[in-house]
Every structure is written in structure tokens, then in C-alpha cells.
Amino acid sequence: MKKTVAILLAVVLLLAGLAGCGSSNSTAQNPDSSNTQQQSDEVFKLNIDYPNPENSAIYPVLVDWGEWLKEKSEGRIEVTVYSGGALGSVLDAVTNVETGVTDGCWGPISLHPGLWPLSGVVALPMTGADSMEVMNSAMNDLMVTEEFDAEWDNVHRVAFHVTTPAAFIFKDRVDSMKGIVGNTIRTNCSEVTPWLQELGAIPVSVSSNDGYEAISKGTVQGGLWWMDQLESNALYEVVDTVIYGPVEYCGMFLCINKDLYESMPADLQQLIDESGDYYMSLLPDAYYSQEEKVIGLLEENDVDLIYTSDEDKEWLAASAQVSYDVYIESMNELGYDGQAVYESLLEKIEHYNEEYAK
């Protein structure tokens, strides 16, 4: 009897040991479910750096985008947008995102020369895009290609887009684009500078936020600014002429810190990616409503608003090749096929011009 009890006890202990080994192996293969739940319930707070004032076109769009993320994530993503460069110099915005000083930023691609050189193709002048929507579609087709995707590996991209076209503004009254000849004219990016020189202007670099002082003091006689900056920086007070038309667009980006994105649960990563489409859907109303408001401000302040004539477009286009050549050569030096990239953009623009015209 004692022998039987001893055998039974040994069997029980053996089974218990095997069960214990099984639990240990299961834990190693499958992390503690309570820890997974804790991760999925974590609140991710995103501080987004925005360089422009709150009365510019995109600030309310970013706020709305943040509210959408909070609602869709049931409070697990909270976005705070800091305007006016409150989180640091606009020139340091991307570096701050890369290093985790900030969680994300919005800005113009051209403000960071050398960081995404391939993407500078979007800023080339006189490429023929009839509208912001055409350029947005062409740009986003490019950005999903292997070369462009690899160029943006330093951050997690949420959205790419352009603004409404840049406007040429003039301190004095002019009646055509030839008013830039012989005058100091603000260039808004390196892709445009050779073109302005070829046209006979004297291009100078001026911060967008310093435009009011530069024009009022005569440091520059005018230059390229974005329509929303005419309002946010009150440039309508110091100019007499604005010439407006689809001559050049500025590529913009919205991104977040890559490590932050990768630390999120899969469902929140998916939500971040889906939020790009929602953000893009807000842009037409934001930009066009501000464009309309700026046109009203120009009228109220007795500023001549001239829409680019066909004659001016031909004159501007005749000198644009120099910018294309500089871009193509610089891309070739970096190991890309610059001509192929440039031609790909033109093909996409032609396609979407026809698509949106239907």
C-alpha cells in the first residue's frame, strides 16, 4: 500500500512539473496578455511643430486632424499643435523630430535643402500643373516610388501636398512679370533661383516671416510668397501689385518621429496612416477659403491683383529650362537619373491635368 501511494505521489509530482514547464514555454512564446493590454491602452501624446501663425491656412487643419485622431483612437492619441515656431527654429524642425525633441512637424520641403534633394523636383517652376489638386496627385504618385520612399526614411510620413501657387508680389505698381527685371526679388527655394536669374532678376534669400520689413524698407522690391502668407504676415499692407497664376508650387510634408510611430500598437499605426487621407481632404477648403479672403484684403487695400497672362506665362516658361538643367545635373551627381525623374513628373502632371479637366 505504501509503495502504491509513493508511486501515485511521484506521478502527481511529475505531471505538475511537466505542467510547470509547459506554462514557462508558453510565457516565453506569448508575452503576458496584461502587458499587451497595457500597451494598447497607452496614451500617445504628439507635440506637433508648426512654423506659421495660427491665422495661416494649415493651423486649423492640423488641429482638426488631431481631433480626428483623438476621436478615432478613443483618446489614445492626443495631438497638440504649437504654432509660430514655439518649439524651436523652423530650420531645426526636422532634426528635432528625428531626435525626439518634438513628436512631429509640418513644413516646406524646400526649407531643408540637401535633406530630401530628389523631392525638390516638385518646386521646379513652370512645369504646367493647372491646379493644386493636379500637383498633389502627381506629387503623391512620385512619393510612393522606391527612390522617393527611401529618401524619406528618416521620419514617418503622414502626408505630402502642395500649397496653392506662389504669388509674385511687388512693392510698386507693375503691369506684367517683366517688372522683376533688374530688381531684387525674393526667391523661395533653390530650385527657383536659377530661373529668376535667367529672367533678369536679382534673387535674394529672405525669410517668409521677414517679408513685411524687407519690402517696406526696400531691401527687396518683391518676390515669391504663398497666398496664405500675404494674410498671416500682412504683406497686403506693403505691396501695390500681386501677380497670381500657376507658375510654381511648394511641396509640403507632415511627419512624426519614426521611433514613436513604431512604438505604437498596430491599430494606432494604421490609424496614423489613414489620417493622411483625412488631412488631405481638408486642404482644398482651407487653402481656397484663405485665397478668397486674401483677394478681399488686396481689394480693400487698393492692391492691384493681376492674373498671369498668357504672354507672361510664355516669357516665364522660356527661361525655366535653366532650373531643370541644374536639378537634373545635381540629381545625376547623387546617382539618380535626374532626367527620368523630371520627365516622370511632367508625365504625371499631364495625366492629371486631363483627369481633372473631365
Protein backbone atom coordinates (compact mmCIF):
# COMPACT_ATOMS: atom_id res chain seq x y z
CA MET A 1 0.00 0.00 0.00
CA LYS A 2 2.77 2.44 0.94
CA LYS A 3 4.54 1.57 -2.32
CA THR A 4 1.38 2.32 -4.30
CA VAL A 5 0.91 5.69 -2.57
CA ALA A 6 4.52 6.58 -3.23
CA ILE A 7 4.14 5.74 -6.92
CA LEU A 8 0.96 7.81 -7.17
CA LEU A 9 2.65 10.75 -5.45
CA ALA A 10 5.60 10.55 -7.85
CA VAL A 11 3.24 10.57 -10.83
CA VAL A 12 1.41 13.64 -9.47
CA LEU A 13 4.69 15.48 -8.93
CA LEU A 14 5.88 14.55 -12.43
CA LEU A 15 2.67 15.83 -14.03
CA ALA A 16 2.88 19.02 -12.00
CA GLY A 17 6.45 19.51 -13.16
CA LEU A 18 5.50 18.97 -16.78
CA ALA A 19 2.63 21.42 -16.44
CA GLY A 20 5.01 23.96 -14.96
CA CYS A 21 7.42 23.50 -17.86
CA GLY A 22 4.56 23.94 -20.32
CA SER A 23 3.48 27.23 -18.70
CA SER A 24 7.03 28.57 -18.77
CA ASN A 25 7.40 27.81 -22.50
CA SER A 26 4.04 29.35 -23.28
CA THR A 27 5.01 32.55 -21.50
CA ALA A 28 8.24 32.78 -23.45
CA GLN A 29 6.44 32.41 -26.76
CA ASN A 30 3.43 34.60 -25.89
CA PRO A 31 4.08 37.78 -23.91
CA ASP A 32 1.91 38.46 -20.90
CA SER A 33 -1.51 39.42 -22.22
CA SER A 34 -1.90 42.02 -19.47
CA ASN A 35 1.25 43.77 -20.79
CA THR A 36 -0.18 43.78 -24.33
CA GLN A 37 -3.38 45.31 -22.99
CA GLN A 38 -1.37 47.93 -21.13
CA GLN A 39 0.45 48.87 -24.33
CA SER A 40 -2.76 49.14 -26.32
CA ASP A 41 -4.32 51.40 -23.69
CA GLU A 42 -1.32 53.72 -23.53
CA VAL A 43 -1.99 57.35 -24.48
CA PHE A 44 0.42 58.73 -27.07
CA LYS A 45 0.80 62.50 -26.84
CA LEU A 46 2.07 64.11 -30.04
CA ASN A 47 3.53 67.62 -29.90
CA ILE A 48 3.48 68.93 -33.48
CA ASP A 49 5.74 71.82 -34.50
CA TYR A 50 4.07 74.32 -36.87
CA PRO A 51 6.16 77.32 -38.03
CA ASN A 52 3.39 79.68 -39.13
CA PRO A 53 0.91 81.81 -37.15
CA GLU A 54 -2.50 80.49 -36.15
CA ASN A 55 -4.23 82.63 -38.79
CA SER A 56 -2.47 80.77 -41.60
CA ALA A 57 -4.29 78.19 -43.71
CA ILE A 58 -2.92 74.96 -42.23
CA TYR A 59 -3.05 75.60 -38.49
CA PRO A 60 -6.79 74.81 -38.18
CA VAL A 61 -6.29 71.82 -40.49
CA LEU A 62 -3.67 70.36 -38.14
CA VAL A 63 -5.92 70.97 -35.15
CA ASP A 64 -8.80 69.23 -36.92
CA TRP A 65 -6.50 66.36 -37.89
CA GLY A 66 -5.51 65.97 -34.24
CA GLU A 67 -9.13 65.94 -33.11
CA TRP A 68 -9.90 63.27 -35.70
CA LEU A 69 -7.07 61.10 -34.38
CA LYS A 70 -8.24 61.53 -30.80
CA GLU A 71 -11.79 60.59 -31.69
CA LYS A 72 -10.88 57.60 -33.83
CA SER A 73 -8.37 56.32 -31.27
CA GLU A 74 -10.86 56.80 -28.42
CA GLY A 75 -8.46 59.14 -26.67
CA ARG A 76 -5.31 57.03 -27.13
CA ILE A 77 -3.71 59.64 -29.41
CA GLU A 78 -3.62 63.26 -28.27
CA VAL A 79 -2.24 65.94 -30.59
CA THR A 80 -1.13 69.42 -29.56
CA VAL A 81 -0.14 71.83 -32.33
CA TYR A 82 2.39 74.52 -31.41
CA SER A 83 2.23 77.46 -33.83
CA GLY A 84 4.69 80.21 -34.65
CA GLY A 85 7.78 78.06 -34.12
CA ALA A 86 7.11 77.79 -30.38
CA LEU A 87 9.03 74.51 -30.23
CA GLY A 88 12.18 75.86 -31.87
CA SER A 89 13.65 77.29 -35.05
CA VAL A 90 11.87 76.23 -38.21
CA LEU A 91 15.27 75.24 -39.62
CA ASP A 92 15.68 72.71 -36.80
CA ALA A 93 12.18 71.27 -37.08
CA VAL A 94 13.09 68.04 -38.85
CA THR A 95 16.19 67.42 -36.73
CA ASN A 96 14.04 67.88 -33.63
CA VAL A 97 11.62 65.24 -34.92
CA GLU A 98 14.42 62.83 -35.83
CA THR A 99 15.96 63.08 -32.35
CA GLY A 100 12.66 63.00 -30.47
CA VAL A 101 12.84 66.57 -29.15
CA THR A 102 9.44 67.01 -30.79
CA ASP A 103 7.00 64.34 -31.96
CA GLY A 104 6.20 65.71 -35.38
CA CYS A 105 6.28 68.73 -37.66
CA TRP A 106 4.78 70.33 -40.74
CA GLY A 107 6.78 72.39 -43.20
CA PRO A 108 8.04 73.04 -46.71
CA ILE A 109 10.43 70.52 -48.23
CA SER A 110 12.49 73.32 -49.77
CA LEU A 111 13.30 74.72 -46.34
CA HIS A 112 15.64 71.77 -45.78
CA PRO A 113 17.97 71.75 -48.81
CA GLY A 114 20.08 68.65 -49.12
CA LEU A 115 17.89 66.57 -46.82
CA TRP A 116 15.42 65.37 -49.48
CA PRO A 117 17.09 66.57 -52.71
CA LEU A 118 15.14 64.27 -55.02
CA SER A 119 11.84 65.73 -53.79
CA GLY A 120 12.91 69.20 -54.91
CA VAL A 121 11.53 68.34 -58.34
CA VAL A 122 8.10 69.40 -57.10
CA ALA A 123 9.28 73.01 -56.63
CA LEU A 124 10.55 73.47 -60.18
CA PRO A 125 8.82 76.40 -61.90
CA MET A 126 6.54 76.29 -64.93
CA THR A 127 6.01 72.52 -65.00
CA GLY A 128 2.47 73.00 -66.28
CA ALA A 129 0.21 71.91 -63.41
CA ASP A 130 -3.17 73.60 -63.81
CA SER A 131 -4.11 73.41 -60.13
CA MET A 132 -3.12 72.45 -56.62
CA GLU A 133 -5.09 69.21 -56.95
CA VAL A 134 -3.16 68.23 -60.09
CA MET A 135 0.18 68.81 -58.39
CA ASN A 136 -0.93 66.96 -55.24
CA SER A 137 -1.81 63.88 -57.28
CA ALA A 138 1.38 63.99 -59.33
CA MET A 139 3.48 64.50 -56.20
CA ASN A 140 1.93 61.60 -54.30
CA ASP A 141 2.39 59.29 -57.27
CA LEU A 142 6.10 60.10 -57.17
CA MET A 143 6.41 59.69 -53.42
CA VAL A 144 5.37 56.03 -53.42
CA THR A 145 8.15 55.05 -55.83
CA GLU A 146 11.17 53.24 -54.40
CA GLU A 147 13.67 56.10 -54.76
CA PHE A 148 11.45 58.71 -53.13
CA ASP A 149 10.32 56.34 -50.40
CA ALA A 150 13.93 55.59 -49.49
CA GLU A 151 14.75 59.31 -49.37
CA TRP A 152 12.16 59.82 -46.61
CA ASP A 153 13.38 57.01 -44.38
CA ASN A 154 14.44 59.41 -41.59
CA VAL A 155 10.86 60.14 -40.45
CA HIS A 156 7.42 58.59 -40.67
CA ARG A 157 5.48 60.47 -43.33
CA VAL A 158 1.83 61.21 -42.76
CA ALA A 159 1.07 63.36 -45.83
CA PHE A 160 2.59 65.16 -48.80
CA HIS A 161 0.96 68.07 -50.60
CA VAL A 162 1.49 71.44 -52.20
CA THR A 163 0.06 74.86 -51.49
CA THR A 164 -1.92 76.97 -53.88
CA PRO A 165 0.51 78.54 -56.39
CA ALA A 166 3.10 81.04 -55.27
CA ALA A 167 2.30 84.68 -55.98
CA PHE A 168 4.71 87.31 -57.27
CA ILE A 169 4.29 90.39 -55.11
CA PHE A 170 5.69 93.86 -55.86
CA LYS A 171 6.33 96.89 -53.70
CA ASP A 172 5.39 99.18 -56.61
CA ARG A 173 2.77 99.02 -59.33
CA VAL A 174 3.72 96.91 -62.34
CA ASP A 175 1.63 95.67 -65.23
CA SER A 176 3.49 92.46 -66.15
CA MET A 177 6.00 89.96 -64.86
CA LYS A 178 8.80 91.86 -66.57
CA GLY A 179 8.66 94.15 -63.56
CA ILE A 180 11.13 91.78 -61.88
CA VAL A 181 13.91 92.58 -64.37
CA GLY A 182 16.80 94.38 -62.69
CA ASN A 183 15.12 94.30 -59.27
CA THR A 184 15.93 92.47 -56.04
CA ILE A 185 13.39 89.66 -55.88
CA ARG A 186 12.89 87.19 -53.06
CA THR A 187 13.45 83.58 -54.07
CA ASN A 188 11.54 80.97 -52.09
CA CYS A 189 13.75 77.94 -52.80
CA SER A 190 16.94 76.85 -54.52
CA GLU A 191 15.04 75.29 -57.43
CA VAL A 192 13.68 78.72 -58.38
CA THR A 193 16.84 80.82 -58.03
CA PRO A 194 18.47 79.96 -61.40
CA TRP A 195 15.18 80.71 -63.15
CA LEU A 196 14.90 84.17 -61.57
CA GLN A 197 18.49 84.93 -62.54
CA GLU A 198 17.80 83.87 -66.13
CA LEU A 199 14.76 86.17 -66.17
CA GLY A 200 16.97 89.13 -65.25
CA ALA A 201 16.00 89.48 -61.58
CA ILE A 202 18.43 89.71 -58.67
CA PRO A 203 17.31 86.86 -56.40
CA VAL A 204 17.88 87.22 -52.67
CA SER A 205 17.02 84.99 -49.75
CA VAL A 206 14.56 86.45 -47.24
CA SER A 207 12.68 84.55 -44.55
CA SER A 208 8.97 84.41 -45.28
CA ASN A 209 8.25 85.96 -41.90
CA ASP A 210 10.65 88.85 -42.59
CA GLY A 211 8.89 89.86 -45.79
CA TYR A 212 6.96 92.78 -44.31
CA GLU A 213 10.11 94.54 -43.09
CA ALA A 214 12.16 93.65 -46.17
CA ILE A 215 9.59 95.07 -48.58
CA SER A 216 8.63 98.13 -46.53
CA LYS A 217 12.33 99.10 -46.19
CA GLY A 218 13.05 98.39 -49.86
CA THR A 219 15.53 95.60 -49.14
CA VAL A 220 13.66 93.70 -51.83
CA GLN A 221 11.30 95.04 -54.46
CA GLY A 222 9.12 91.95 -54.28
CA GLY A 223 9.31 88.23 -54.80
CA LEU A 224 7.58 84.90 -54.41
CA TRP A 225 5.36 84.35 -51.39
CA TRP A 226 2.49 81.96 -50.71
CA MET A 227 -1.03 83.35 -50.70
CA ASP A 228 -1.69 82.46 -47.07
CA GLN A 229 1.47 84.36 -46.06
CA LEU A 230 0.03 87.51 -47.62
CA GLU A 231 -2.56 87.40 -44.86
CA SER A 232 -0.62 85.90 -41.95
CA ASN A 233 2.26 88.35 -42.43
CA ALA A 234 0.06 91.30 -43.51
CA LEU A 235 2.03 91.69 -46.74
CA TYR A 236 -1.03 93.28 -48.37
CA GLU A 237 -0.15 96.43 -46.40
CA VAL A 238 3.25 96.96 -48.05
CA VAL A 239 2.72 95.94 -51.69
CA ASP A 240 0.97 97.60 -54.62
CA THR A 241 0.80 94.67 -57.06
CA VAL A 242 0.25 90.92 -56.88
CA ILE A 243 0.55 88.75 -59.99
CA TYR A 244 -1.05 85.36 -59.45
CA GLY A 245 -1.15 82.19 -61.51
CA PRO A 246 0.03 78.54 -61.69
CA VAL A 247 3.72 79.26 -62.12
CA GLU A 248 5.28 77.43 -59.15
CA TYR A 249 4.16 75.22 -56.27
CA CYS A 250 5.75 74.41 -52.93
CA GLY A 251 5.97 70.84 -51.66
CA MET A 252 4.89 70.41 -48.05
CA PHE A 253 5.10 67.48 -45.63
CA LEU A 254 3.58 66.33 -42.36
CA CYS A 255 5.62 63.78 -40.43
CA ILE A 256 6.09 62.23 -36.99
CA ASN A 257 9.05 60.66 -35.20
CA LYS A 258 9.78 57.23 -36.63
CA ASP A 259 10.56 55.54 -33.30
CA LEU A 260 7.37 56.93 -31.80
CA TYR A 261 5.33 55.53 -34.67
CA GLU A 262 6.99 52.12 -34.40
CA SER A 263 6.32 52.01 -30.64
CA MET A 264 2.57 52.29 -31.23
CA PRO A 265 0.29 49.25 -31.33
CA ALA A 266 -0.60 48.10 -34.83
CA ASP A 267 -4.10 49.56 -34.73
CA LEU A 268 -2.79 53.04 -33.89
CA GLN A 269 -0.13 52.78 -36.60
CA GLN A 270 -2.89 52.00 -39.07
CA LEU A 271 -4.88 54.97 -37.79
CA ILE A 272 -1.91 57.32 -38.23
CA ASP A 273 -1.53 56.12 -41.81
CA GLU A 274 -5.24 56.51 -42.54
CA SER A 275 -5.22 60.00 -41.06
CA GLY A 276 -3.22 61.25 -44.04
CA ASP A 277 -6.25 60.89 -46.29
CA TYR A 278 -8.41 62.79 -43.81
CA TYR A 279 -5.80 65.55 -43.58
CA MET A 280 -5.62 65.82 -47.39
CA SER A 281 -9.42 66.05 -47.62
CA LEU A 282 -9.34 69.27 -45.56
CA LEU A 283 -6.81 71.10 -47.74
CA PRO A 284 -8.96 72.44 -50.61
CA ASP A 285 -11.38 74.26 -48.32
CA ALA A 286 -8.53 75.56 -46.15
CA TYR A 287 -6.42 76.91 -48.99
CA TYR A 288 -9.17 78.17 -51.26
CA SER A 289 -11.12 79.88 -48.50
CA GLN A 290 -7.97 81.71 -47.44
CA GLU A 291 -7.18 82.52 -51.06
CA GLU A 292 -10.61 84.15 -51.33
CA LYS A 293 -10.01 86.04 -48.11
CA VAL A 294 -6.64 87.32 -49.34
CA ILE A 295 -8.17 88.53 -52.59
CA GLY A 296 -10.64 90.51 -50.50
CA LEU A 297 -7.82 92.01 -48.43
CA LEU A 298 -5.99 93.04 -51.59
CA GLU A 299 -9.08 94.82 -52.87
CA GLU A 300 -9.64 96.56 -49.52
CA ASN A 301 -6.03 97.82 -49.51
CA ASP A 302 -6.03 99.02 -53.14
CA VAL A 303 -3.54 96.38 -54.26
CA ASP A 304 -3.65 95.53 -57.97
CA LEU A 305 -4.36 91.82 -58.45
CA ILE A 306 -3.29 90.65 -61.91
CA TYR A 307 -3.77 87.08 -63.07
CA THR A 308 -0.79 85.80 -65.04
CA SER A 309 -1.38 86.48 -68.72
CA ASP A 310 -0.59 84.00 -71.49
CA GLU A 311 2.15 86.36 -72.65
CA ASP A 312 3.72 86.36 -69.18
CA LYS A 313 3.45 82.56 -68.95
CA GLU A 314 5.31 82.19 -72.23
CA TRP A 315 8.01 84.59 -71.07
CA LEU A 316 8.40 82.82 -67.74
CA ALA A 317 8.46 79.36 -69.32
CA ALA A 318 11.13 80.35 -71.84
CA SER A 319 13.67 80.75 -69.03
CA ALA A 320 12.67 77.79 -66.86
CA GLN A 321 14.94 75.26 -68.57
CA VAL A 322 17.95 76.51 -66.63
CA SER A 323 16.32 75.38 -63.37
CA TYR A 324 15.51 71.99 -64.88
CA ASP A 325 19.12 71.58 -66.01
CA VAL A 326 20.51 72.44 -62.58
CA TYR A 327 18.14 69.98 -60.90
CA ILE A 328 18.87 67.18 -63.38
CA GLU A 329 22.63 67.61 -63.11
CA SER A 330 22.57 67.69 -59.32
CA MET A 331 20.48 64.50 -59.20
CA ASN A 332 22.83 62.78 -61.64
CA GLU A 333 25.73 63.64 -59.33
CA LEU A 334 23.85 61.93 -56.48
CA GLY A 335 23.43 58.77 -58.51
CA TYR A 336 19.85 59.26 -59.69
CA ASP A 337 18.60 59.58 -63.25
CA GLY A 338 17.62 63.23 -62.99
CA GLN A 339 16.17 63.43 -66.49
CA ALA A 340 13.93 60.41 -65.84
CA VAL A 341 12.66 61.87 -62.56
CA TYR A 342 11.91 65.22 -64.18
CA GLU A 343 10.15 63.61 -67.15
CA SER A 344 8.14 61.38 -64.81
CA LEU A 345 6.80 64.46 -63.03
CA LEU A 346 5.83 66.08 -66.31
CA GLU A 347 4.04 62.91 -67.46
CA LYS A 348 2.07 62.71 -64.23
CA ILE A 349 1.14 66.38 -64.41
CA GLU A 350 -0.08 65.97 -67.99
CA HIS A 351 -2.14 62.93 -66.96
CA TYR A 352 -3.80 64.68 -64.03
CA ASN A 353 -4.40 67.89 -65.96
CA GLU A 354 -6.51 65.81 -68.31
CA GLU A 355 -8.07 63.83 -65.45
CA TYR A 356 -9.21 66.88 -63.50
CA ALA A 357 -10.40 68.66 -66.63
CA LYS A 358 -13.03 65.98 -67.25
